[in-house]
Amino acid sequence: GYLEFIYFIRHSAFALTDSGGIQEETTALNIPCLTIRPSTERPVTIWEGSNKLITVDDIEKEVQLILNGKGKTGKIPKFWDGQTAGRIVEILEGIFYAETFRG
């Protein structure tokens, strides 16, 4: 299942994929990700995260870089901190209380 997948990603040196979702998971876990695609619909994983777009011809070189500690590193993007639900609750409470007291 999903939790087992996350466990394996978290304990991997890197991920090699063509999946969009895995680009996000590896960025959130700060695990290097090599994505075999010419583009991505998740560019934040490239700009800020640990994802890198490569070709099949690049695989060996990029894997060696990662294994030698010279692969792409990134940071977890702003708001990817697991606190989204709390921020939504604060916003909704603010709206509710504003409506209640304006009333």
N, C-alpha and C. Protein backbone atom coordinates (compact mmCIF):
# COMPACT_ATOMS: atom_id res chain seq x y z
N GLY A 1 0.80 -1.17 0.00
CA GLY A 1 0.00 0.00 0.00
C GLY A 1 0.85 1.26 0.00
N TYR A 2 0.18 2.35 0.21
CA TYR A 2 0.83 3.66 0.16
C TYR A 2 1.88 3.83 1.26
N LEU A 3 1.58 3.40 2.47
CA LEU A 3 2.55 3.56 3.56
C LEU A 3 3.82 2.76 3.31
N GLU A 4 3.67 1.58 2.75
CA GLU A 4 4.86 0.79 2.41
C GLU A 4 5.67 1.48 1.32
N PHE A 5 4.98 2.05 0.34
CA PHE A 5 5.66 2.79 -0.72
C PHE A 5 6.47 3.94 -0.13
N ILE A 6 5.86 4.72 0.76
CA ILE A 6 6.56 5.85 1.39
C ILE A 6 7.75 5.35 2.20
N TYR A 7 7.59 4.23 2.89
CA TYR A 7 8.70 3.65 3.65
C TYR A 7 9.88 3.36 2.72
N PHE A 8 9.61 2.72 1.60
CA PHE A 8 10.69 2.36 0.68
C PHE A 8 11.33 3.60 0.06
N ILE A 9 10.53 4.59 -0.30
CA ILE A 9 11.10 5.83 -0.85
C ILE A 9 11.97 6.51 0.20
N ARG A 10 11.47 6.62 1.42
CA ARG A 10 12.21 7.29 2.49
C ARG A 10 13.56 6.61 2.76
N HIS A 11 13.64 5.32 2.54
CA HIS A 11 14.86 4.57 2.82
C HIS A 11 15.66 4.26 1.54
N SER A 12 15.40 4.99 0.49
CA SER A 12 16.11 4.81 -0.78
C SER A 12 17.16 5.91 -0.97
N ALA A 13 18.18 5.59 -1.72
CA ALA A 13 19.20 6.60 -2.07
C ALA A 13 18.64 7.59 -3.07
N PHE A 14 17.71 7.12 -3.91
CA PHE A 14 17.09 7.96 -4.93
C PHE A 14 15.91 7.21 -5.52
N ALA A 15 15.12 7.90 -6.34
CA ALA A 15 14.04 7.28 -7.10
C ALA A 15 14.27 7.58 -8.57
N LEU A 16 13.97 6.61 -9.40
CA LEU A 16 14.04 6.74 -10.85
C LEU A 16 12.63 6.48 -11.36
N THR A 17 12.02 7.45 -12.05
CA THR A 17 10.60 7.36 -12.35
C THR A 17 10.23 8.10 -13.62
N ASP A 18 9.02 7.85 -14.09
CA ASP A 18 8.39 8.71 -15.09
C ASP A 18 7.03 9.18 -14.56
N SER A 19 6.80 8.98 -13.26
CA SER A 19 5.53 9.31 -12.62
C SER A 19 5.53 10.71 -12.05
N GLY A 20 4.44 11.42 -12.23
CA GLY A 20 4.30 12.75 -11.65
C GLY A 20 4.19 12.73 -10.15
N GLY A 21 3.41 11.80 -9.62
CA GLY A 21 3.20 11.75 -8.18
C GLY A 21 4.47 11.47 -7.41
N ILE A 22 5.30 10.61 -7.92
CA ILE A 22 6.55 10.28 -7.22
C ILE A 22 7.47 11.49 -7.15
N GLN A 23 7.39 12.38 -8.13
CA GLN A 23 8.18 13.61 -8.08
C GLN A 23 7.81 14.42 -6.84
N GLU A 24 6.54 14.45 -6.51
CA GLU A 24 6.08 15.18 -5.33
C GLU A 24 6.48 14.47 -4.04
N GLU A 25 6.30 13.16 -4.01
CA GLU A 25 6.63 12.41 -2.79
C GLU A 25 8.11 12.53 -2.47
N THR A 26 8.97 12.38 -3.47
CA THR A 26 10.41 12.47 -3.20
C THR A 26 10.81 13.88 -2.79
N THR A 27 10.18 14.90 -3.37
CA THR A 27 10.47 16.27 -2.96
C THR A 27 10.06 16.48 -1.50
N ALA A 28 8.88 16.00 -1.13
CA ALA A 28 8.41 16.15 0.25
C ALA A 28 9.33 15.43 1.24
N LEU A 29 9.94 14.33 0.80
CA LEU A 29 10.84 13.56 1.65
C LEU A 29 12.30 13.96 1.46
N ASN A 30 12.56 14.88 0.55
CA ASN A 30 13.91 15.34 0.20
C ASN A 30 14.82 14.18 -0.24
N ILE A 31 14.26 13.30 -1.06
CA ILE A 31 14.99 12.18 -1.65
C ILE A 31 15.26 12.53 -3.11
N PRO A 32 16.49 12.39 -3.60
CA PRO A 32 16.75 12.68 -5.00
C PRO A 32 15.84 11.87 -5.92
N CYS A 33 15.34 12.54 -6.95
CA CYS A 33 14.44 11.91 -7.91
C CYS A 33 14.93 12.19 -9.32
N LEU A 34 15.11 11.16 -10.10
CA LEU A 34 15.47 11.29 -11.50
C LEU A 34 14.23 10.93 -12.31
N THR A 35 13.71 11.90 -13.02
CA THR A 35 12.47 11.71 -13.77
C THR A 35 12.80 11.63 -15.25
N ILE A 36 12.48 10.49 -15.84
CA ILE A 36 12.78 10.26 -17.25
C ILE A 36 11.62 10.79 -18.09
N ARG A 37 11.63 12.10 -18.26
CA ARG A 37 10.60 12.79 -19.04
C ARG A 37 11.20 14.10 -19.54
N PRO A 38 10.67 14.61 -20.65
CA PRO A 38 11.17 15.90 -21.15
C PRO A 38 10.60 17.11 -20.41
N SER A 39 9.50 16.91 -19.68
CA SER A 39 8.86 18.02 -18.97
C SER A 39 8.09 17.46 -17.78
N THR A 40 7.61 18.38 -16.95
CA THR A 40 6.81 17.96 -15.80
C THR A 40 5.69 18.95 -15.56
N GLU A 41 4.57 18.44 -15.09
CA GLU A 41 3.46 19.30 -14.69
C GLU A 41 3.62 19.71 -13.22
N ARG A 42 4.72 19.33 -12.62
CA ARG A 42 5.02 19.68 -11.23
C ARG A 42 6.37 20.40 -11.16
N PRO A 43 6.46 21.60 -11.76
CA PRO A 43 7.76 22.28 -11.86
C PRO A 43 8.37 22.68 -10.53
N VAL A 44 7.57 22.84 -9.49
CA VAL A 44 8.14 23.20 -8.20
C VAL A 44 9.11 22.13 -7.71
N THR A 45 8.88 20.88 -8.13
CA THR A 45 9.79 19.80 -7.73
C THR A 45 11.16 19.95 -8.38
N ILE A 46 11.22 20.67 -9.49
CA ILE A 46 12.49 20.96 -10.17
C ILE A 46 13.09 22.24 -9.58
N TRP A 47 12.29 23.29 -9.50
CA TRP A 47 12.78 24.61 -9.06
C TRP A 47 13.29 24.58 -7.64
N GLU A 48 12.54 23.92 -6.75
CA GLU A 48 12.89 23.95 -5.33
C GLU A 48 13.25 22.58 -4.78
N GLY A 49 12.69 21.56 -5.35
CA GLY A 49 12.82 20.23 -4.77
C GLY A 49 14.02 19.44 -5.26
N SER A 50 13.96 18.16 -5.03
CA SER A 50 15.07 17.26 -5.30
C SER A 50 14.92 16.52 -6.63
N ASN A 51 14.03 16.97 -7.48
CA ASN A 51 13.73 16.31 -8.75
C ASN A 51 14.58 16.87 -9.89
N LYS A 52 14.96 15.99 -10.80
CA LYS A 52 15.72 16.39 -11.98
C LYS A 52 15.20 15.63 -13.18
N LEU A 53 14.88 16.36 -14.26
CA LEU A 53 14.45 15.72 -15.50
C LEU A 53 15.68 15.22 -16.25
N ILE A 54 15.61 13.97 -16.70
CA ILE A 54 16.73 13.39 -17.43
C ILE A 54 16.22 12.57 -18.61
N THR A 55 17.15 12.14 -19.45
CA THR A 55 16.84 11.21 -20.54
C THR A 55 17.37 9.83 -20.15
N VAL A 56 16.97 8.83 -20.90
CA VAL A 56 17.46 7.47 -20.65
C VAL A 56 18.99 7.45 -20.73
N ASP A 57 19.55 8.21 -21.65
CA ASP A 57 21.00 8.25 -21.80
C ASP A 57 21.71 8.84 -20.59
N ASP A 58 21.01 9.61 -19.76
CA ASP A 58 21.60 10.26 -18.59
C ASP A 58 21.59 9.39 -17.33
N ILE A 59 20.88 8.28 -17.35
CA ILE A 59 20.65 7.52 -16.12
C ILE A 59 21.95 7.15 -15.41
N GLU A 60 22.86 6.51 -16.10
CA GLU A 60 24.09 6.04 -15.44
C GLU A 60 24.87 7.19 -14.82
N LYS A 61 25.04 8.26 -15.57
CA LYS A 61 25.80 9.42 -15.06
C LYS A 61 25.13 10.02 -13.83
N GLU A 62 23.81 10.22 -13.89
CA GLU A 62 23.09 10.85 -12.79
C GLU A 62 23.05 9.97 -11.54
N VAL A 63 22.90 8.66 -11.73
CA VAL A 63 22.92 7.74 -10.59
C VAL A 63 24.29 7.79 -9.91
N GLN A 64 25.35 7.79 -10.71
CA GLN A 64 26.70 7.87 -10.13
C GLN A 64 26.89 9.17 -9.34
N LEU A 65 26.38 10.28 -9.86
CA LEU A 65 26.48 11.54 -9.13
C LEU A 65 25.80 11.44 -7.77
N ILE A 66 24.61 10.87 -7.75
CA ILE A 66 23.87 10.72 -6.49
C ILE A 66 24.64 9.82 -5.54
N LEU A 67 25.09 8.67 -6.03
CA LEU A 67 25.79 7.72 -5.16
C LEU A 67 27.11 8.27 -4.64
N ASN A 68 27.69 9.23 -5.37
CA ASN A 68 28.93 9.87 -4.94
C ASN A 68 28.68 11.15 -4.14
N GLY A 69 27.42 11.40 -3.78
CA GLY A 69 27.08 12.56 -2.96
C GLY A 69 27.06 13.88 -3.71
N LYS A 70 26.99 13.82 -5.04
CA LYS A 70 27.02 15.05 -5.85
C LYS A 70 25.73 15.25 -6.66
N GLY A 71 24.69 14.54 -6.29
CA GLY A 71 23.41 14.68 -6.99
C GLY A 71 22.69 15.95 -6.59
N LYS A 72 21.60 16.20 -7.28
CA LYS A 72 20.80 17.40 -7.01
C LYS A 72 20.19 17.32 -5.61
N THR A 73 20.34 18.39 -4.88
CA THR A 73 19.66 18.50 -3.60
C THR A 73 18.66 19.64 -3.71
N GLY A 74 17.72 19.63 -2.86
CA GLY A 74 16.71 20.68 -2.90
C GLY A 74 16.22 20.96 -1.50
N LYS A 75 15.13 21.66 -1.45
CA LYS A 75 14.48 21.94 -0.17
C LYS A 75 13.01 21.60 -0.33
N ILE A 76 12.37 21.43 0.78
CA ILE A 76 10.94 21.18 0.75
C ILE A 76 10.26 22.52 0.51
N PRO A 77 9.43 22.62 -0.53
CA PRO A 77 8.79 23.90 -0.85
C PRO A 77 7.94 24.46 0.30
N LYS A 78 7.82 25.77 0.29
CA LYS A 78 6.99 26.45 1.29
C LYS A 78 5.58 25.86 1.27
N PHE A 79 5.03 25.69 2.42
CA PHE A 79 3.69 25.14 2.63
C PHE A 79 3.62 23.62 2.44
N TRP A 80 4.73 22.95 2.17
CA TRP A 80 4.74 21.49 2.10
C TRP A 80 5.17 20.92 3.44
N ASP A 81 4.73 21.52 4.52
CA ASP A 81 5.18 21.18 5.85
C ASP A 81 4.21 20.29 6.62
N GLY A 82 3.15 19.84 5.98
CA GLY A 82 2.17 18.99 6.65
C GLY A 82 1.19 19.75 7.54
N GLN A 83 1.20 21.07 7.45
CA GLN A 83 0.34 21.89 8.30
C GLN A 83 -0.82 22.53 7.54
N THR A 84 -1.12 22.04 6.36
CA THR A 84 -2.16 22.64 5.52
C THR A 84 -3.52 22.64 6.22
N ALA A 85 -3.89 21.53 6.82
CA ALA A 85 -5.21 21.46 7.47
C ALA A 85 -5.34 22.52 8.56
N GLY A 86 -4.30 22.71 9.35
CA GLY A 86 -4.33 23.73 10.40
C GLY A 86 -4.49 25.13 9.84
N ARG A 87 -3.79 25.42 8.74
CA ARG A 87 -3.92 26.74 8.12
C ARG A 87 -5.34 26.95 7.57
N ILE A 88 -5.92 25.92 7.00
CA ILE A 88 -7.29 26.03 6.48
C ILE A 88 -8.27 26.29 7.63
N VAL A 89 -8.10 25.57 8.73
CA VAL A 89 -8.97 25.78 9.90
C VAL A 89 -8.85 27.22 10.39
N GLU A 90 -7.63 27.75 10.48
CA GLU A 90 -7.45 29.14 10.93
C GLU A 90 -8.17 30.12 10.01
N ILE A 91 -8.07 29.91 8.71
CA ILE A 91 -8.74 30.80 7.75
C ILE A 91 -10.25 30.72 7.92
N LEU A 92 -10.77 29.49 8.00
CA LEU A 92 -12.22 29.32 8.15
C LEU A 92 -12.72 29.89 9.47
N GLU A 93 -11.95 29.71 10.55
CA GLU A 93 -12.34 30.29 11.83
C GLU A 93 -12.37 31.82 11.73
N GLY A 94 -11.39 32.39 11.05
CA GLY A 94 -11.36 33.84 10.86
C GLY A 94 -12.58 34.34 10.11
N ILE A 95 -12.97 33.61 9.07
CA ILE A 95 -14.16 33.99 8.30
C ILE A 95 -15.41 33.85 9.16
N PHE A 96 -15.51 32.73 9.89
CA PHE A 96 -16.68 32.48 10.73
C PHE A 96 -16.82 33.56 11.80
N TYR A 97 -15.73 33.86 12.50
CA TYR A 97 -15.79 34.86 13.57
C TYR A 97 -16.05 36.25 13.02
N ALA A 98 -15.50 36.57 11.88
CA ALA A 98 -15.75 37.88 11.26
C ALA A 98 -17.23 38.02 10.92
N GLU A 99 -17.82 36.97 10.37
CA GLU A 99 -19.25 36.99 10.02
C GLU A 99 -20.11 37.06 11.27
N THR A 100 -19.71 36.34 12.31
CA THR A 100 -20.48 36.31 13.56
C THR A 100 -20.53 37.68 14.22
N PHE A 101 -19.39 38.35 14.28
CA PHE A 101 -19.32 39.63 14.98
C PHE A 101 -19.74 40.80 14.11
N ARG A 102 -19.78 40.60 12.82
CA ARG A 102 -20.22 41.67 11.92
C ARG A 102 -21.73 41.76 11.93
N GLY A 103 -22.35 40.63 12.13
CA GLY A 103 -23.64 40.44 12.07
C GLY A 103 -24.91 40.91 12.17
